[in-house]
Protein backbone atom coordinates (compact mmCIF):
# COMPACT_ATOMS: atom_id res chain seq x y z
CA MET A 1 -52.23 -52.18 -130.35
CA PRO A 2 -54.30 -53.98 -133.01
CA ARG A 3 -52.97 -57.26 -134.41
CA VAL A 4 -52.69 -58.80 -137.87
CA PHE A 5 -53.91 -62.38 -138.30
CA HIS A 6 -52.89 -64.60 -141.19
CA GLY A 7 -54.31 -68.02 -142.10
CA ASN A 8 -51.36 -70.09 -143.29
CA PHE A 9 -53.46 -73.25 -143.45
CA GLU A 10 -50.63 -74.96 -145.37
CA PHE A 11 -48.78 -75.02 -142.01
CA GLU A 12 -48.12 -78.78 -141.96
CA HIS A 13 -46.92 -78.78 -145.57
CA GLU A 14 -44.20 -76.29 -144.66
CA LEU A 15 -43.23 -78.32 -141.60
CA ALA A 16 -42.87 -81.39 -143.82
CA GLU A 17 -40.93 -79.73 -146.64
CA GLY A 18 -38.94 -77.07 -144.80
CA SER A 19 -36.97 -74.72 -147.01
CA ARG A 20 -38.11 -76.65 -150.11
CA PHE A 21 -41.72 -75.58 -149.57
CA GLN A 22 -43.31 -73.37 -152.22
CA LEU A 23 -46.81 -71.94 -151.74
CA SER A 24 -48.81 -72.74 -154.86
CA ARG A 25 -51.68 -70.66 -156.24
CA LYS A 26 -54.02 -73.52 -155.28
CA LEU A 27 -52.93 -73.31 -151.63
CA GLN A 28 -53.12 -69.49 -151.70
CA ARG A 29 -56.71 -69.78 -152.85
CA ILE A 30 -57.54 -72.33 -150.13
CA ASN A 31 -56.02 -70.00 -147.53
CA ALA A 32 -58.20 -67.15 -148.78
CA LEU A 33 -61.36 -69.29 -148.79
CA TRP A 34 -60.83 -70.36 -145.17
CA ALA A 35 -59.49 -67.06 -143.83
CA GLY A 36 -62.87 -65.94 -142.44
CA ARG A 37 -62.73 -68.67 -139.79
CA LEU A 38 -60.05 -66.68 -137.98
CA THR A 39 -62.41 -63.79 -137.27
CA SER A 40 -63.73 -65.48 -134.10
CA LEU A 41 -60.22 -65.08 -132.65
CA MET A 42 -59.99 -61.39 -133.48
CA SER A 43 -60.95 -58.20 -131.67
CA SER A 44 -62.09 -54.76 -132.80
CA GLY A 45 -59.29 -53.01 -134.68
CA ASP A 46 -57.53 -56.22 -135.72
CA ALA A 47 -56.90 -56.97 -139.38
CA LEU A 48 -57.03 -60.14 -141.47
CA PHE A 49 -54.20 -60.46 -144.00
CA VAL A 50 -55.42 -62.33 -147.11
CA PRO A 51 -52.77 -62.21 -149.88
CA GLY A 52 -54.83 -64.62 -152.01
CA TRP A 53 -57.79 -62.23 -152.16
CA ASN A 54 -57.45 -61.71 -155.92
CA LEU A 55 -57.81 -65.48 -156.50
CA LEU A 56 -61.38 -65.46 -155.18
CA ASN A 57 -64.41 -64.85 -157.36
CA GLU A 58 -66.88 -62.08 -156.58
CA ILE A 59 -69.23 -64.28 -154.55
CA GLU A 60 -66.35 -65.66 -152.48
CA GLN A 61 -65.00 -62.16 -151.84
CA THR A 62 -68.42 -61.00 -150.69
CA THR A 63 -68.70 -63.97 -148.32
CA LEU A 64 -65.28 -63.23 -146.82
CA LEU A 65 -66.18 -59.57 -146.32
CA GLU A 66 -69.32 -60.67 -144.48
CA TRP A 67 -67.18 -62.84 -142.19
CA CYS A 68 -64.95 -59.86 -141.45
CA GLY A 69 -67.77 -57.45 -140.66
CA GLU A 70 -66.14 -54.33 -139.20
CA LEU A 71 -62.69 -55.94 -139.05
CA GLN A 72 -60.09 -54.77 -141.54
CA LEU A 73 -59.08 -56.93 -144.50
CA LEU A 74 -55.61 -56.46 -145.99
CA SER A 75 -54.88 -57.99 -149.37
CA GLN A 76 -51.53 -56.42 -150.36
CA PRO A 77 -48.20 -56.74 -148.52
CA ARG A 78 -47.02 -53.38 -147.14
CA MET A 79 -45.32 -51.99 -144.05
CA LEU A 80 -47.81 -52.05 -141.19
CA ALA A 81 -45.70 -51.04 -138.20
CA ASP A 82 -47.45 -47.68 -137.72
CA GLU A 83 -50.94 -49.25 -137.62
CA PHE A 84 -50.47 -52.64 -135.98
CA GLU A 85 -48.16 -54.46 -133.63
CA ASP A 86 -48.27 -58.25 -133.37
CA PHE A 87 -48.44 -60.74 -136.21
CA ILE A 88 -50.44 -63.89 -135.42
CA PRO A 89 -50.42 -66.78 -137.92
CA TRP A 90 -52.47 -69.99 -137.93
CA GLY A 91 -49.27 -71.86 -137.08
CA TRP A 92 -45.69 -70.75 -136.50
CA THR A 93 -43.04 -71.62 -139.08
CA GLU A 94 -39.82 -69.99 -140.22
CA GLY A 95 -41.75 -68.62 -143.19
CA MET A 96 -44.23 -66.89 -140.89
CA VAL A 97 -41.43 -65.23 -138.91
CA LEU A 98 -40.07 -63.88 -142.21
CA ARG A 99 -43.57 -62.77 -143.23
CA ALA A 100 -43.94 -60.77 -140.00
CA GLU A 101 -40.60 -59.08 -140.62
CA SER A 102 -41.56 -58.24 -144.21
CA LEU A 103 -44.67 -56.46 -142.92
CA GLY A 104 -42.71 -54.56 -140.28
CA LEU A 105 -44.53 -56.32 -137.45
CA SER A 106 -43.21 -57.72 -134.20
CA CYS A 107 -43.78 -61.36 -133.39
CA SER A 108 -43.13 -63.58 -130.39
CA PRO A 109 -43.17 -67.19 -131.61
CA PRO A 110 -42.48 -70.16 -129.38
CA SER A 111 -39.44 -72.30 -130.12
CA LEU A 112 -39.82 -73.44 -133.74
CA ASP A 113 -38.14 -76.71 -132.80
CA ALA A 114 -40.86 -77.18 -130.17
CA VAL A 115 -43.56 -76.41 -132.76
CA ARG A 116 -42.17 -79.04 -135.10
CA TRP A 117 -41.82 -81.59 -132.29
CA LEU A 118 -45.34 -81.02 -131.01
CA ASN A 119 -47.04 -81.35 -134.40
CA ALA A 120 -45.10 -84.40 -135.57
CA ARG A 121 -46.95 -87.72 -135.76
CA GLY A 122 -43.99 -89.32 -134.02
CA THR A 123 -44.65 -87.24 -130.92
CA SER A 124 -48.23 -88.44 -130.47
CA PHE A 125 -46.99 -91.99 -131.17
CA GLU A 126 -44.31 -91.74 -128.48
CA LEU A 127 -46.55 -90.03 -125.92
CA GLU A 128 -49.18 -92.74 -126.39
CA GLN A 129 -46.52 -95.22 -125.30
CA THR A 130 -45.35 -93.01 -122.44
CA PHE A 131 -48.85 -92.48 -121.03
CA GLU A 132 -49.84 -96.12 -121.78
CA VAL A 133 -52.85 -95.17 -123.89
CA ALA A 134 -51.71 -96.54 -127.27
CA PRO A 135 -54.36 -98.59 -129.10
CA PRO A 136 -53.24 -102.07 -130.12
CA GLY A 137 -51.79 -102.49 -133.60
CA CYS A 138 -50.19 -99.05 -134.04
CA ARG A 139 -46.64 -99.13 -135.30
CA ARG A 140 -43.89 -96.89 -136.65
CA ILE A 141 -42.74 -98.11 -140.08
CA GLY A 142 -39.33 -97.42 -141.63
CA SER A 143 -39.52 -99.26 -144.96
CA ILE A 144 -41.92 -100.96 -147.35
CA ALA A 145 -40.34 -104.30 -146.43
CA GLU A 146 -41.09 -103.65 -142.74
CA LEU A 147 -44.68 -102.79 -143.62
CA GLU A 148 -45.09 -105.97 -145.67
CA GLU A 149 -43.75 -108.03 -142.77
CA HIS A 150 -46.10 -106.30 -140.32
CA LEU A 151 -49.10 -107.03 -142.54
CA THR A 152 -48.43 -110.78 -142.61
CA SER A 153 -50.02 -111.03 -139.17
CA PHE A 154 -52.87 -108.66 -140.01
CA ASP A 155 -56.45 -109.74 -140.61
CA ALA A 156 -56.99 -110.31 -144.35
CA GLU A 157 -60.21 -108.25 -144.35
CA ALA A 158 -59.34 -105.55 -141.82
CA ALA A 159 -58.89 -101.94 -142.90
CA TRP A 160 -55.94 -99.77 -141.92
CA VAL A 161 -54.41 -96.34 -142.49
CA ILE A 162 -50.83 -95.16 -142.99
CA LYS A 163 -50.06 -91.58 -141.95
CA ALA A 164 -47.14 -89.31 -142.83
CA GLU A 165 -45.09 -87.46 -140.21
CA PHE A 166 -47.10 -84.28 -140.81
CA GLY A 167 -50.72 -84.19 -141.95
CA MET A 168 -54.10 -82.62 -141.30
CA SER A 169 -57.84 -83.01 -141.96
CA GLY A 170 -57.62 -86.50 -143.41
CA ARG A 171 -54.77 -85.59 -145.80
CA GLU A 172 -51.23 -86.99 -146.03
CA ARG A 173 -52.37 -90.56 -145.52
CA ILE A 174 -53.35 -93.66 -147.48
CA LEU A 175 -56.02 -96.23 -146.70
CA GLY A 176 -55.74 -99.97 -147.27
CA ARG A 177 -57.22 -103.32 -146.36
CA GLY A 178 -55.81 -106.75 -145.57
CA THR A 179 -52.29 -107.80 -146.57
CA ASN A 180 -52.21 -106.59 -150.19
CA LEU A 181 -50.08 -103.51 -150.89
CA GLN A 182 -50.62 -103.60 -154.64
CA LEU A 183 -53.72 -101.39 -154.50
CA ILE A 184 -52.17 -98.52 -152.54
CA ASP A 185 -50.04 -95.64 -153.79
CA GLN A 186 -46.58 -97.06 -153.19
CA GLY A 187 -45.01 -93.99 -154.80
CA TRP A 188 -46.59 -91.82 -152.09
CA LEU A 189 -45.36 -94.24 -149.44
CA GLN A 190 -41.80 -94.33 -150.72
CA ARG A 191 -41.61 -90.54 -150.99
CA ARG A 192 -42.69 -90.12 -147.36
CA LEU A 193 -40.27 -92.78 -146.20
CA THR A 194 -37.47 -91.07 -148.12
CA GLY A 195 -38.41 -87.66 -146.75
CA SER A 196 -38.81 -88.31 -143.02
CA GLY A 197 -37.59 -91.91 -142.79
CA ARG A 198 -40.83 -93.18 -141.26
CA VAL A 199 -44.59 -93.41 -141.52
CA TYR A 200 -47.19 -94.57 -139.00
CA PHE A 201 -49.45 -97.60 -139.38
CA GLU A 202 -52.78 -97.78 -137.54
CA PRO A 203 -55.71 -100.20 -137.71
CA TRP A 204 -58.92 -98.52 -138.86
CA PHE A 205 -60.84 -98.17 -135.61
CA ASP A 206 -64.58 -98.54 -135.16
CA ARG A 207 -65.00 -94.87 -134.28
CA LEU A 208 -67.93 -93.90 -132.05
CA GLU A 209 -67.26 -90.19 -131.51
CA GLU A 210 -64.46 -87.64 -131.32
CA MET A 211 -63.79 -84.68 -129.08
CA SER A 212 -61.28 -81.81 -129.33
CA PHE A 213 -59.78 -80.52 -126.07
CA HIS A 214 -58.46 -76.96 -126.21
CA TYR A 215 -55.66 -75.45 -124.13
CA GLU A 216 -53.73 -72.20 -124.01
CA ILE A 217 -50.13 -72.31 -122.80
CA ALA A 218 -48.68 -69.05 -121.50
CA PRO A 219 -45.04 -68.07 -122.20
CA ASP A 220 -44.25 -68.80 -118.53
CA GLY A 221 -45.49 -72.38 -118.99
CA VAL A 222 -48.86 -72.10 -117.26
CA VAL A 223 -51.40 -74.42 -118.91
CA ARG A 224 -55.05 -73.37 -119.04
CA PHE A 225 -57.92 -75.64 -120.15
CA LEU A 226 -60.43 -73.64 -122.18
CA GLY A 227 -63.10 -76.17 -123.10
CA ALA A 228 -64.03 -78.81 -125.64
CA THR A 229 -65.77 -79.13 -128.98
CA ARG A 230 -67.32 -82.24 -130.48
CA LEU A 231 -65.51 -83.16 -133.68
CA GLN A 232 -67.56 -84.28 -136.69
CA CYS A 233 -65.83 -86.28 -139.44
CA ASP A 234 -67.12 -88.25 -142.40
CA ASP A 235 -66.84 -92.03 -142.73
CA CYS A 236 -63.32 -91.67 -144.14
CA GLY A 237 -62.16 -89.54 -141.21
CA ARG A 238 -62.12 -86.20 -143.07
CA TYR A 239 -62.94 -83.11 -141.02
CA GLN A 240 -66.45 -81.66 -141.37
CA SER A 241 -67.22 -79.42 -138.39
CA ASN A 242 -66.97 -78.77 -134.65
CA GLN A 243 -69.73 -78.20 -132.11
CA HIS A 244 -69.19 -76.54 -128.75
CA VAL A 245 -70.14 -78.63 -125.69
CA ASP A 246 -70.38 -77.61 -122.04
CA PHE A 247 -67.75 -80.12 -120.96
CA GLU A 248 -67.19 -78.86 -117.42
CA GLY A 249 -70.93 -78.65 -116.82
CA SER A 250 -71.71 -82.18 -117.99
CA PRO A 251 -71.02 -85.06 -115.56
CA ASP A 252 -71.70 -87.57 -118.36
CA LEU A 253 -69.08 -86.06 -120.67
CA LYS A 254 -66.54 -85.79 -117.87
CA SER A 255 -67.07 -89.47 -117.08
CA GLU A 256 -67.02 -90.71 -120.68
CA TRP A 257 -63.90 -88.71 -121.55
CA ALA A 258 -62.07 -88.89 -118.22
CA VAL A 259 -58.91 -90.52 -119.61
CA SER A 260 -58.75 -88.10 -122.52
CA ARG A 261 -59.20 -85.04 -120.33
CA THR A 262 -56.40 -86.13 -117.99
CA THR A 263 -54.04 -87.28 -120.73
CA THR A 264 -54.46 -84.23 -122.95
CA GLU A 265 -53.60 -81.95 -120.05
CA ALA A 266 -50.53 -84.06 -119.29
CA CYS A 267 -49.57 -83.67 -122.96
CA ALA A 268 -50.03 -79.89 -122.73
CA LYS A 269 -47.68 -79.79 -119.75
CA ARG A 270 -45.08 -81.76 -121.73
CA ALA A 271 -45.41 -79.20 -124.52
CA ALA A 272 -44.82 -76.37 -122.05
CA GLU A 273 -41.71 -78.13 -120.76
CA ARG A 274 -40.40 -78.17 -124.35
CA SER A 275 -40.79 -74.34 -124.55
CA TYR A 276 -43.97 -74.36 -126.62
CA PHE A 277 -46.57 -71.73 -125.83
CA GLY A 278 -49.73 -70.59 -127.54
CA PRO A 279 -52.84 -72.47 -128.71
CA LEU A 280 -52.96 -76.25 -128.39
CA SER A 281 -55.86 -78.46 -129.47
CA ILE A 282 -55.83 -82.24 -129.09
CA ASP A 283 -58.31 -84.55 -130.83
CA SER A 284 -59.43 -87.62 -128.88
CA MET A 285 -61.56 -90.58 -129.94
CA ARG A 286 -63.85 -93.14 -128.33
CA TYR A 287 -63.91 -96.40 -130.28
CA ARG A 288 -65.24 -99.94 -130.04
CA THR A 289 -62.85 -102.91 -130.05
CA SER A 290 -63.52 -106.28 -131.70
CA ASP A 291 -64.81 -107.64 -128.38
CA ARG A 292 -67.25 -104.68 -128.13
CA THR A 293 -65.30 -102.90 -125.40
CA ILE A 294 -65.43 -99.09 -125.60
CA ARG A 295 -62.07 -97.37 -125.18
CA GLU A 296 -60.59 -93.90 -125.48
CA ARG A 297 -57.70 -92.77 -127.66
CA PRO A 298 -56.74 -89.47 -126.00
CA LEU A 299 -53.88 -88.41 -128.31
CA GLN A 300 -55.25 -89.15 -131.74
CA ASP A 301 -54.02 -85.80 -133.13
CA ILE A 302 -51.95 -83.09 -131.45
CA ASN A 303 -52.17 -79.61 -132.99
CA GLY A 304 -49.80 -76.95 -131.75
CA ARG A 305 -51.56 -74.15 -133.68
CA TRP A 306 -55.00 -72.63 -134.03
CA THR A 307 -57.66 -75.10 -135.17
CA MET A 308 -61.19 -74.93 -136.55
CA GLY A 309 -62.35 -76.37 -133.24
CA ARG A 310 -60.64 -73.58 -131.29
CA CYS A 311 -62.24 -71.02 -133.61
CA GLU A 312 -65.66 -72.57 -132.93
CA LEU A 313 -64.99 -72.62 -129.17
CA GLU A 314 -64.10 -68.92 -129.20
CA ARG A 315 -67.20 -68.11 -131.24
CA ALA A 316 -69.44 -70.02 -128.83
CA LEU A 317 -67.86 -68.46 -125.73
CA ARG A 318 -68.36 -64.97 -127.16
CA GLU A 319 -72.02 -65.66 -127.84
CA ARG A 320 -72.49 -66.85 -124.28
């Protein structure tokens, strides 16, 4: 039976806010603008559900229709049980289970507790310790006072970043430099500390390149490596694009990213043990230390959902 795909790109916001989360018109519009990226995951007969369609202008609607091609585009909620079967969102949340039910569609999500665990910043932080791949200087912070104390030993000119428990694409973070907290958004920091009780401090690394490793975990726990895409970000670490690479066919890539390839698969197996199944993409980084040594950070970001990199990988594999 054909499936219905939905791009809830606000996924991490809902994980952070839970039942308090309200989808704004701004986020509905963003979801509609990005929805076309999901088409590389879809097959003939599938439909793309875009409830924010009416928020797009005529040019944007035309562009989205071009992305869809012969695929169906649904813009209004209605019962779909007679035409479709499965509901497949960008990421699983309680809200997406309710959305599937409202459309009359079946859904088979993994454990929502496992989804939350896998996508939390604290999980990548803890697994970096477990697998002994944590870069120096990373720390979990529970209060502004703790952060101020930590910065007393920090280089006065060095840059750093503080990340919230849930974030994506360079959002839900603040950047700073040295030991002065006066120039950062302390209101943002206090709200995140009040909400989750912790944030995550990292030095700003001298990034050389980034790679996304893509896995699919079956409901029975079998982990399958699908491939890799090179991750392009701007100087501030904001996502720009992905480029497919022939990872398995390149001895140089397999050598340069050996630690990341091994560690990301170990992470995927941990996810399967926690009853997560579905798409998993993990962003890794190669960076240069102050003594010019090149190192890998295998678990920079763990994404238990679809990603732009996975969409690009599927597009490239279909073309091949």
